[in-house]
């Protein structure tokens, strides 16, 4: 069976190189932040966002334990404020919506701020850039996020960005993701 998170990384690796700038818009426990940090190397830059101090600390610890270069900025703020912190074009961005794995699930991404964050991310894209957005429709807000994002993406010009949806068709509640590439 397809591992969606590994598939994300495969698409990211097609666009992201050493020295590039990228964002982890939902740092969670830091796995994507580590992947991005190692991919862009010492000369690159990673901005990572989360509203929870627990996520920031878990990510900081994981980066240190993984021997990542100090090429990252961990930001305890909502991803929808990305343009307040990132003032350069990005080659890649990753969203992993929902809640912090291992948490009590009382804090989770919300469609209103997620849409603003995705709009900001698209506005930050450099040429030949990619953004992945993992959606978890197994709960009410996750399902609503997915539907709202699909509606938004359907209205974007295909001459500016190409948006692909990757979904396991015979498992309606399974996670899926969008891949946004610019031209």
C-alpha atoms as a PDB file:
ATOM      1  CA  UNK A   1       0.000   0.000   0.000  1.00  0.00           C
ATOM      2  CA  UNK A   2       1.146   3.552  -0.663  1.00  0.00           C
ATOM      3  CA  UNK A   3       2.739   5.416   2.239  1.00  0.00           C
ATOM      4  CA  UNK A   4       1.381   8.922   1.729  1.00  0.00           C
ATOM      5  CA  UNK A   5       4.082  10.630   3.805  1.00  0.00           C
ATOM      6  CA  UNK A   6       6.859   8.975   1.808  1.00  0.00           C
ATOM      7  CA  UNK A   7       5.060   9.984  -1.382  1.00  0.00           C
ATOM      8  CA  UNK A   8       5.034  13.605  -0.145  1.00  0.00           C
ATOM      9  CA  UNK A   9       8.793  13.449   0.322  1.00  0.00           C
ATOM     10  CA  UNK A  10       9.338  11.986  -3.138  1.00  0.00           C
ATOM     11  CA  UNK A  11       7.483  14.912  -4.720  1.00  0.00           C
ATOM     12  CA  UNK A  12       9.304  17.424  -2.522  1.00  0.00           C
ATOM     13  CA  UNK A  13      12.691  15.956  -3.511  1.00  0.00           C
ATOM     14  CA  UNK A  14      11.873  16.619  -7.172  1.00  0.00           C
ATOM     15  CA  UNK A  15      11.883  20.373  -6.461  1.00  0.00           C
ATOM     16  CA  UNK A  16      13.934  21.011  -3.317  1.00  0.00           C
ATOM     17  CA  UNK A  17      17.727  21.246  -3.426  1.00  0.00           C
ATOM     18  CA  UNK A  18      20.572  22.092  -1.117  1.00  0.00           C
ATOM     19  CA  UNK A  19      20.573  25.819  -0.357  1.00  0.00           C
ATOM     20  CA  UNK A  20      16.845  26.309  -0.986  1.00  0.00           C
ATOM     21  CA  UNK A  21      14.262  27.895   1.314  1.00  0.00           C
ATOM     22  CA  UNK A  22      11.215  25.913   2.455  1.00  0.00           C
ATOM     23  CA  UNK A  23       8.459  25.786   5.073  1.00  0.00           C
ATOM     24  CA  UNK A  24       6.919  23.200   7.327  1.00  0.00           C
ATOM     25  CA  UNK A  25       3.571  24.871   7.888  1.00  0.00           C
ATOM     26  CA  UNK A  26       2.501  22.370  10.581  1.00  0.00           C
ATOM     27  CA  UNK A  27       5.609  21.211  12.452  1.00  0.00           C
ATOM     28  CA  UNK A  28       3.888  18.760  14.799  1.00  0.00           C
ATOM     29  CA  UNK A  29       6.543  16.429  16.209  1.00  0.00           C
ATOM     30  CA  UNK A  30       9.168  17.640  13.753  1.00  0.00           C
ATOM     31  CA  UNK A  31       9.556  14.762  11.322  1.00  0.00           C
ATOM     32  CA  UNK A  32       8.868  16.909   8.241  1.00  0.00           C
ATOM     33  CA  UNK A  33      11.034  19.710   9.638  1.00  0.00           C
ATOM     34  CA  UNK A  34      13.953  17.266   9.986  1.00  0.00           C
ATOM     35  CA  UNK A  35      13.395  16.006   6.432  1.00  0.00           C
ATOM     36  CA  UNK A  36      13.369  19.560   5.068  1.00  0.00           C
ATOM     37  CA  UNK A  37      16.395  20.615   7.116  1.00  0.00           C
ATOM     38  CA  UNK A  38      18.466  17.668   5.942  1.00  0.00           C
ATOM     39  CA  UNK A  39      17.362  18.183   2.332  1.00  0.00           C
ATOM     40  CA  UNK A  40      18.331  21.878   2.094  1.00  0.00           C
ATOM     41  CA  UNK A  41      21.527  21.450   4.127  1.00  0.00           C
ATOM     42  CA  UNK A  42      23.642  24.074   5.866  1.00  0.00           C
ATOM     43  CA  UNK A  43      23.162  26.706   3.164  1.00  0.00           C
ATOM     44  CA  UNK A  44      19.383  26.284   3.077  1.00  0.00           C
ATOM     45  CA  UNK A  45      16.645  27.662   5.318  1.00  0.00           C
ATOM     46  CA  UNK A  46      13.588  26.058   6.922  1.00  0.00           C
ATOM     47  CA  UNK A  47      10.740  27.940   8.577  1.00  0.00           C
ATOM     48  CA  UNK A  48       8.457  25.764  10.708  1.00  0.00           C
ATOM     49  CA  UNK A  49       5.133  26.799  12.258  1.00  0.00           C
ATOM     50  CA  UNK A  50       2.922  25.476  15.027  1.00  0.00           C
ATOM     51  CA  UNK A  51       0.665  27.093  17.624  1.00  0.00           C
ATOM     52  CA  UNK A  52       1.568  24.624  20.368  1.00  0.00           C
ATOM     53  CA  UNK A  53       4.650  24.962  22.552  1.00  0.00           C
ATOM     54  CA  UNK A  54       4.690  21.163  22.868  1.00  0.00           C
ATOM     55  CA  UNK A  55       5.195  20.906  19.089  1.00  0.00           C
ATOM     56  CA  UNK A  56       7.963  23.499  19.066  1.00  0.00           C
ATOM     57  CA  UNK A  57       9.854  21.725  21.857  1.00  0.00           C
ATOM     58  CA  UNK A  58       9.383  18.270  20.318  1.00  0.00           C
ATOM     59  CA  UNK A  59      10.654  19.590  16.984  1.00  0.00           C
ATOM     60  CA  UNK A  60      13.627  21.352  18.549  1.00  0.00           C
ATOM     61  CA  UNK A  61      14.598  18.109  20.305  1.00  0.00           C
ATOM     62  CA  UNK A  62      14.138  15.989  17.162  1.00  0.00           C
ATOM     63  CA  UNK A  63      16.261  18.402  15.083  1.00  0.00           C
ATOM     64  CA  UNK A  64      19.079  18.246  17.653  1.00  0.00           C
ATOM     65  CA  UNK A  65      18.901  14.456  17.972  1.00  0.00           C
ATOM     66  CA  UNK A  66      18.946  14.090  14.176  1.00  0.00           C
ATOM     67  CA  UNK A  67      22.104  16.173  13.822  1.00  0.00           C
ATOM     68  CA  UNK A  68      20.415  18.708  11.574  1.00  0.00           C
ATOM     69  CA  UNK A  69      22.302  21.850  10.628  1.00  0.00           C
ATOM     70  CA  UNK A  70      21.097  24.996  12.394  1.00  0.00           C
ATOM     71  CA  UNK A  71      19.267  26.161   9.288  1.00  0.00           C
ATOM     72  CA  UNK A  72      15.808  26.434  10.807  1.00  0.00           C
ATOM     73  CA  UNK A  73      13.542  28.943  12.475  1.00  0.00           C
ATOM     74  CA  UNK A  74      10.841  27.458  14.708  1.00  0.00           C
ATOM     75  CA  UNK A  75       7.860  29.777  14.982  1.00  0.00           C
ATOM     76  CA  UNK A  76       5.162  29.406  17.607  1.00  0.00           C
ATOM     77  CA  UNK A  77       2.365  31.008  15.666  1.00  0.00           C
ATOM     78  CA  UNK A  78      -0.374  30.069  13.239  1.00  0.00           C
ATOM     79  CA  UNK A  79       0.644  29.043   9.751  1.00  0.00           C
ATOM     80  CA  UNK A  80      -1.773  31.593   8.309  1.00  0.00           C
ATOM     81  CA  UNK A  81       0.694  34.298   9.416  1.00  0.00           C
ATOM     82  CA  UNK A  82       3.542  32.835   7.359  1.00  0.00           C
ATOM     83  CA  UNK A  83       4.093  35.995   5.304  1.00  0.00           C
ATOM     84  CA  UNK A  84       4.825  37.917   8.518  1.00  0.00           C
ATOM     85  CA  UNK A  85       7.885  35.698   9.042  1.00  0.00           C
ATOM     86  CA  UNK A  86       8.954  34.487   5.613  1.00  0.00           C
ATOM     87  CA  UNK A  87      10.171  37.269   3.332  1.00  0.00           C
ATOM     88  CA  UNK A  88      11.713  35.186   0.583  1.00  0.00           C
ATOM     89  CA  UNK A  89      10.421  32.781  -2.021  1.00  0.00           C
ATOM     90  CA  UNK A  90      10.166  29.107  -1.082  1.00  0.00           C
ATOM     91  CA  UNK A  91      10.865  26.036  -3.185  1.00  0.00           C
ATOM     92  CA  UNK A  92       8.739  23.712  -1.043  1.00  0.00           C
ATOM     93  CA  UNK A  93       6.113  23.701   1.659  1.00  0.00           C
ATOM     94  CA  UNK A  94       4.505  20.915   3.654  1.00  0.00           C
ATOM     95  CA  UNK A  95       1.162  20.875   5.471  1.00  0.00           C
ATOM     96  CA  UNK A  96       0.113  17.927   7.614  1.00  0.00           C
ATOM     97  CA  UNK A  97      -3.331  18.982   8.834  1.00  0.00           C
ATOM     98  CA  UNK A  98      -5.233  17.777  11.884  1.00  0.00           C
ATOM     99  CA  UNK A  99      -3.834  17.527  15.390  1.00  0.00           C
ATOM    100  CA  UNK A 100      -0.476  16.933  17.014  1.00  0.00           C
ATOM    101  CA  UNK A 101       0.154  13.177  17.007  1.00  0.00           C
ATOM    102  CA  UNK A 102       0.158  11.861  20.580  1.00  0.00           C
ATOM    103  CA  UNK A 103      -1.787  14.850  21.918  1.00  0.00           C
ATOM    104  CA  UNK A 104      -5.261  14.958  23.432  1.00  0.00           C
ATOM    105  CA  UNK A 105      -6.599  16.183  20.050  1.00  0.00           C
ATOM    106  CA  UNK A 106      -8.150  19.279  21.615  1.00  0.00           C
ATOM    107  CA  UNK A 107      -6.122  21.566  19.326  1.00  0.00           C
ATOM    108  CA  UNK A 108      -6.318  21.012  15.577  1.00  0.00           C
ATOM    109  CA  UNK A 109      -6.113  22.892  12.334  1.00  0.00           C
ATOM    110  CA  UNK A 110      -9.199  24.836  11.294  1.00  0.00           C
ATOM    111  CA  UNK A 111     -10.447  25.357   7.764  1.00  0.00           C
ATOM    112  CA  UNK A 112     -10.508  29.166   8.010  1.00  0.00           C
ATOM    113  CA  UNK A 113      -6.855  29.530   8.993  1.00  0.00           C
ATOM    114  CA  UNK A 114      -5.763  26.588   6.858  1.00  0.00           C
ATOM    115  CA  UNK A 115      -7.190  28.218   3.733  1.00  0.00           C
ATOM    116  CA  UNK A 116      -5.406  31.495   4.557  1.00  0.00           C
ATOM    117  CA  UNK A 117      -2.180  29.576   5.184  1.00  0.00           C
ATOM    118  CA  UNK A 118      -2.417  27.715   1.876  1.00  0.00           C
ATOM    119  CA  UNK A 119      -3.115  30.981   0.045  1.00  0.00           C
ATOM    120  CA  UNK A 120      -0.057  32.523   1.729  1.00  0.00           C
ATOM    121  CA  UNK A 121       2.071  29.490   0.844  1.00  0.00           C
ATOM    122  CA  UNK A 122       1.078  29.696  -2.815  1.00  0.00           C
ATOM    123  CA  UNK A 123       1.961  33.401  -2.759  1.00  0.00           C
ATOM    124  CA  UNK A 124       5.420  32.550  -1.408  1.00  0.00           C
ATOM    125  CA  UNK A 125       6.196  29.953  -4.095  1.00  0.00           C
ATOM    126  CA  UNK A 126       9.350  30.435  -6.142  1.00  0.00           C
ATOM    127  CA  UNK A 127       9.548  29.175  -9.723  1.00  0.00           C
ATOM    128  CA  UNK A 128       9.435  25.383  -9.996  1.00  0.00           C
ATOM    129  CA  UNK A 129       8.174  25.006  -6.425  1.00  0.00           C
ATOM    130  CA  UNK A 130       5.904  22.483  -4.750  1.00  0.00           C
ATOM    131  CA  UNK A 131       3.546  22.390  -1.769  1.00  0.00           C
ATOM    132  CA  UNK A 132       1.968  19.276  -0.289  1.00  0.00           C
ATOM    133  CA  UNK A 133      -1.153  19.375   1.869  1.00  0.00           C
ATOM    134  CA  UNK A 134      -2.101  16.208   3.790  1.00  0.00           C
ATOM    135  CA  UNK A 135      -5.777  16.093   4.765  1.00  0.00           C
ATOM    136  CA  UNK A 136      -7.341  13.776   7.363  1.00  0.00           C
ATOM    137  CA  UNK A 137     -11.086  13.503   6.598  1.00  0.00           C
ATOM    138  CA  UNK A 138     -11.795  10.991   9.387  1.00  0.00           C
ATOM    139  CA  UNK A 139     -13.154  13.743  11.652  1.00  0.00           C
ATOM    140  CA  UNK A 140     -15.657  16.523  10.993  1.00  0.00           C
ATOM    141  CA  UNK A 141     -13.213  19.443  10.754  1.00  0.00           C
ATOM    142  CA  UNK A 142     -10.762  17.430   8.655  1.00  0.00           C
ATOM    143  CA  UNK A 143     -13.496  16.522   6.198  1.00  0.00           C
ATOM    144  CA  UNK A 144     -14.591  20.177   6.015  1.00  0.00           C
ATOM    145  CA  UNK A 145     -10.973  21.301   5.486  1.00  0.00           C
ATOM    146  CA  UNK A 146     -10.572  18.872   2.615  1.00  0.00           C
ATOM    147  CA  UNK A 147     -13.766  19.965   0.901  1.00  0.00           C
ATOM    148  CA  UNK A 148     -12.954  23.677   1.312  1.00  0.00           C
ATOM    149  CA  UNK A 149      -9.428  23.221  -0.048  1.00  0.00           C
ATOM    150  CA  UNK A 150     -10.625  21.203  -3.032  1.00  0.00           C
ATOM    151  CA  UNK A 151     -13.151  23.914  -3.880  1.00  0.00           C
ATOM    152  CA  UNK A 152     -10.462  26.588  -3.584  1.00  0.00           C
ATOM    153  CA  UNK A 153      -7.949  24.630  -5.693  1.00  0.00           C
ATOM    154  CA  UNK A 154     -10.554  23.972  -8.393  1.00  0.00           C
ATOM    155  CA  UNK A 155     -10.838  27.741  -8.897  1.00  0.00           C
ATOM    156  CA  UNK A 156      -7.108  28.344  -9.453  1.00  0.00           C
ATOM    157  CA  UNK A 157      -5.793  28.924 -12.955  1.00  0.00           C
ATOM    158  CA  UNK A 158      -4.176  25.795 -14.364  1.00  0.00           C
ATOM    159  CA  UNK A 159      -1.855  28.112 -16.277  1.00  0.00           C
ATOM    160  CA  UNK A 160      -0.328  29.270 -12.978  1.00  0.00           C
ATOM    161  CA  UNK A 161      -0.441  26.159 -10.780  1.00  0.00           C
ATOM    162  CA  UNK A 162      -1.168  22.483 -11.243  1.00  0.00           C
ATOM    163  CA  UNK A 163      -3.076  20.919  -8.345  1.00  0.00           C
ATOM    164  CA  UNK A 164      -3.277  17.145  -8.066  1.00  0.00           C
ATOM    165  CA  UNK A 165      -5.285  15.170  -5.518  1.00  0.00           C
ATOM    166  CA  UNK A 166      -3.889  11.824  -4.409  1.00  0.00           C
ATOM    167  CA  UNK A 167      -6.465   9.683  -2.639  1.00  0.00           C
ATOM    168  CA  UNK A 168      -7.143   6.034  -1.921  1.00  0.00           C
ATOM    169  CA  UNK A 169     -10.465   5.704  -3.727  1.00  0.00           C
ATOM    170  CA  UNK A 170     -11.888   2.691  -1.892  1.00  0.00           C
ATOM    171  CA  UNK A 171     -11.237   4.104   1.591  1.00  0.00           C
ATOM    172  CA  UNK A 172     -13.287   7.312   1.963  1.00  0.00           C
ATOM    173  CA  UNK A 173     -12.023   8.219   5.465  1.00  0.00           C
ATOM    174  CA  UNK A 174      -8.350   7.589   4.605  1.00  0.00           C
ATOM    175  CA  UNK A 175      -5.951  10.530   4.527  1.00  0.00           C
ATOM    176  CA  UNK A 176      -5.238  12.071   1.136  1.00  0.00           C
ATOM    177  CA  UNK A 177      -3.158  14.928  -0.096  1.00  0.00           C
ATOM    178  CA  UNK A 178      -2.989  17.729  -2.584  1.00  0.00           C
ATOM    179  CA  UNK A 179       0.141  18.457  -4.556  1.00  0.00           C
ATOM    180  CA  UNK A 180       0.484  22.040  -5.770  1.00  0.00           C
ATOM    181  CA  UNK A 181       3.162  22.770  -8.374  1.00  0.00           C
ATOM    182  CA  UNK A 182       3.659  26.096 -10.074  1.00  0.00           C
ATOM    183  CA  UNK A 183       4.631  26.637 -13.660  1.00  0.00           C
END
